[in-house]
Amino acid sequence: MKKTDESDWTKMITNETVCRYFYIIFFVVAVMAAFAVGMDLWLMVKRPALGFAMLLRSAPVLILSVLNSLFLYILCARTLLK
């Protein structure tokens, strides 16, 4: 199997830049999840039965998406920023 060399344009991207990208993605996902939970809570005030059902349906997806983006950032920080 032939080993490929790193492209010239990828050599310019530092490890800090890659980890900063994953941190920004984590932050954006967390803010969007918090907004979605806030909307679910607002819906619970207006229509309690529907709002609780929406919160139960959206909570697993929100938790998994935030944890996934946090995992990518932690993985990047531990492997690239030693």
C-alpha atoms as a PDB file:
ATOM      1  CA  MET A   1       0.000   0.000   0.000  1.00  0.00           C
ATOM      2  CA  LYS A   2       1.421   3.360  -1.043  1.00  0.00           C
ATOM      3  CA  LYS A   3       1.696   6.025   1.627  1.00  0.00           C
ATOM      4  CA  THR A   4       0.405   9.413   0.530  1.00  0.00           C
ATOM      5  CA  ASP A   5       2.054  12.605   1.648  1.00  0.00           C
ATOM      6  CA  GLU A   6       0.193  15.439   3.286  1.00  0.00           C
ATOM      7  CA  SER A   7      -1.043  18.032   0.812  1.00  0.00           C
ATOM      8  CA  ASP A   8       0.617  21.423   0.824  1.00  0.00           C
ATOM      9  CA  TRP A   9      -2.618  23.251   1.533  1.00  0.00           C
ATOM     10  CA  THR A  10      -3.319  21.130   4.620  1.00  0.00           C
ATOM     11  CA  LYS A  11       0.124  21.806   6.065  1.00  0.00           C
ATOM     12  CA  MET A  12      -0.859  25.454   6.511  1.00  0.00           C
ATOM     13  CA  ILE A  13      -3.726  24.514   8.855  1.00  0.00           C
ATOM     14  CA  THR A  14      -2.475  24.382  12.426  1.00  0.00           C
ATOM     15  CA  ASN A  15      -3.700  21.966  15.080  1.00  0.00           C
ATOM     16  CA  GLU A  16      -5.059  24.887  17.082  1.00  0.00           C
ATOM     17  CA  THR A  17      -7.208  25.940  14.132  1.00  0.00           C
ATOM     18  CA  VAL A  18      -8.708  22.466  13.817  1.00  0.00           C
ATOM     19  CA  CYS A  19      -9.503  22.300  17.532  1.00  0.00           C
ATOM     20  CA  ARG A  20     -10.892  25.839  17.492  1.00  0.00           C
ATOM     21  CA  TYR A  21     -13.221  24.761  14.665  1.00  0.00           C
ATOM     22  CA  PHE A  22     -14.543  21.848  16.741  1.00  0.00           C
ATOM     23  CA  TYR A  23     -14.973  24.138  19.755  1.00  0.00           C
ATOM     24  CA  ILE A  24     -17.017  26.585  17.674  1.00  0.00           C
ATOM     25  CA  ILE A  25     -19.150  23.723  16.358  1.00  0.00           C
ATOM     26  CA  PHE A  26     -19.702  22.536  19.946  1.00  0.00           C
ATOM     27  CA  PHE A  27     -20.673  26.038  21.043  1.00  0.00           C
ATOM     28  CA  VAL A  28     -23.123  26.508  18.154  1.00  0.00           C
ATOM     29  CA  VAL A  29     -24.749  23.116  18.761  1.00  0.00           C
ATOM     30  CA  ALA A  30     -25.033  23.799  22.507  1.00  0.00           C
ATOM     31  CA  VAL A  31     -26.632  27.213  21.921  1.00  0.00           C
ATOM     32  CA  MET A  32     -29.095  25.758  19.428  1.00  0.00           C
ATOM     33  CA  ALA A  33     -29.952  22.937  21.854  1.00  0.00           C
ATOM     34  CA  ALA A  34     -30.507  25.438  24.654  1.00  0.00           C
ATOM     35  CA  PHE A  35     -32.771  27.465  22.364  1.00  0.00           C
ATOM     36  CA  ALA A  36     -34.753  24.326  21.476  1.00  0.00           C
ATOM     37  CA  VAL A  37     -35.158  23.428  25.158  1.00  0.00           C
ATOM     38  CA  GLY A  38     -36.263  26.983  25.861  1.00  0.00           C
ATOM     39  CA  MET A  39     -38.868  26.744  23.129  1.00  0.00           C
ATOM     40  CA  ASP A  40     -40.055  23.408  24.527  1.00  0.00           C
ATOM     41  CA  LEU A  41     -40.366  24.944  27.987  1.00  0.00           C
ATOM     42  CA  TRP A  42     -42.280  27.907  26.548  1.00  0.00           C
ATOM     43  CA  LEU A  43     -44.588  25.462  24.791  1.00  0.00           C
ATOM     44  CA  MET A  44     -45.088  23.625  28.095  1.00  0.00           C
ATOM     45  CA  VAL A  45     -46.337  26.863  29.633  1.00  0.00           C
ATOM     46  CA  LYS A  46     -48.755  27.517  26.775  1.00  0.00           C
ATOM     47  CA  ARG A  47     -49.934  23.924  26.163  1.00  0.00           C
ATOM     48  CA  PRO A  48     -48.604  21.596  28.893  1.00  0.00           C
ATOM     49  CA  ALA A  49     -49.464  18.248  27.313  1.00  0.00           C
ATOM     50  CA  LEU A  50     -48.026  19.103  23.916  1.00  0.00           C
ATOM     51  CA  GLY A  51     -44.976  20.832  25.387  1.00  0.00           C
ATOM     52  CA  PHE A  52     -44.056  17.866  27.583  1.00  0.00           C
ATOM     53  CA  ALA A  53     -44.412  15.486  24.646  1.00  0.00           C
ATOM     54  CA  MET A  54     -42.176  17.705  22.512  1.00  0.00           C
ATOM     55  CA  LEU A  55     -39.566  17.867  25.274  1.00  0.00           C
ATOM     56  CA  LEU A  56     -39.567  14.082  25.639  1.00  0.00           C
ATOM     57  CA  ARG A  57     -39.129  13.634  21.893  1.00  0.00           C
ATOM     58  CA  SER A  58     -36.436  16.251  21.413  1.00  0.00           C
ATOM     59  CA  ALA A  59     -34.355  15.668  24.562  1.00  0.00           C
ATOM     60  CA  PRO A  60     -32.516  12.510  23.383  1.00  0.00           C
ATOM     61  CA  VAL A  61     -31.555  14.071  20.067  1.00  0.00           C
ATOM     62  CA  LEU A  62     -30.409  17.299  21.708  1.00  0.00           C
ATOM     63  CA  ILE A  63     -28.372  15.472  24.333  1.00  0.00           C
ATOM     64  CA  LEU A  64     -26.724  13.215  21.757  1.00  0.00           C
ATOM     65  CA  SER A  65     -25.887  16.091  19.420  1.00  0.00           C
ATOM     66  CA  VAL A  66     -24.297  18.163  22.195  1.00  0.00           C
ATOM     67  CA  LEU A  67     -22.348  15.167  23.498  1.00  0.00           C
ATOM     68  CA  ASN A  68     -21.202  14.257  19.990  1.00  0.00           C
ATOM     69  CA  SER A  69     -19.846  17.735  19.288  1.00  0.00           C
ATOM     70  CA  LEU A  70     -18.232  17.858  22.747  1.00  0.00           C
ATOM     71  CA  PHE A  71     -16.622  14.467  22.091  1.00  0.00           C
ATOM     72  CA  LEU A  72     -15.147  15.698  18.813  1.00  0.00           C
ATOM     73  CA  TYR A  73     -13.659  18.735  20.549  1.00  0.00           C
ATOM     74  CA  ILE A  74     -12.212  16.679  23.429  1.00  0.00           C
ATOM     75  CA  LEU A  75     -10.812  14.119  20.997  1.00  0.00           C
ATOM     76  CA  CYS A  76      -9.178  16.878  18.984  1.00  0.00           C
ATOM     77  CA  ALA A  77      -7.770  18.600  22.064  1.00  0.00           C
ATOM     78  CA  ARG A  78      -6.294  15.389  23.449  1.00  0.00           C
ATOM     79  CA  THR A  79      -4.747  14.159  20.221  1.00  0.00           C
ATOM     80  CA  LEU A  80      -3.587  17.341  18.528  1.00  0.00           C
ATOM     81  CA  LEU A  81      -2.792  19.669  21.431  1.00  0.00           C
ATOM     82  CA  LYS A  82      -0.503  17.463  23.516  1.00  0.00           C
END
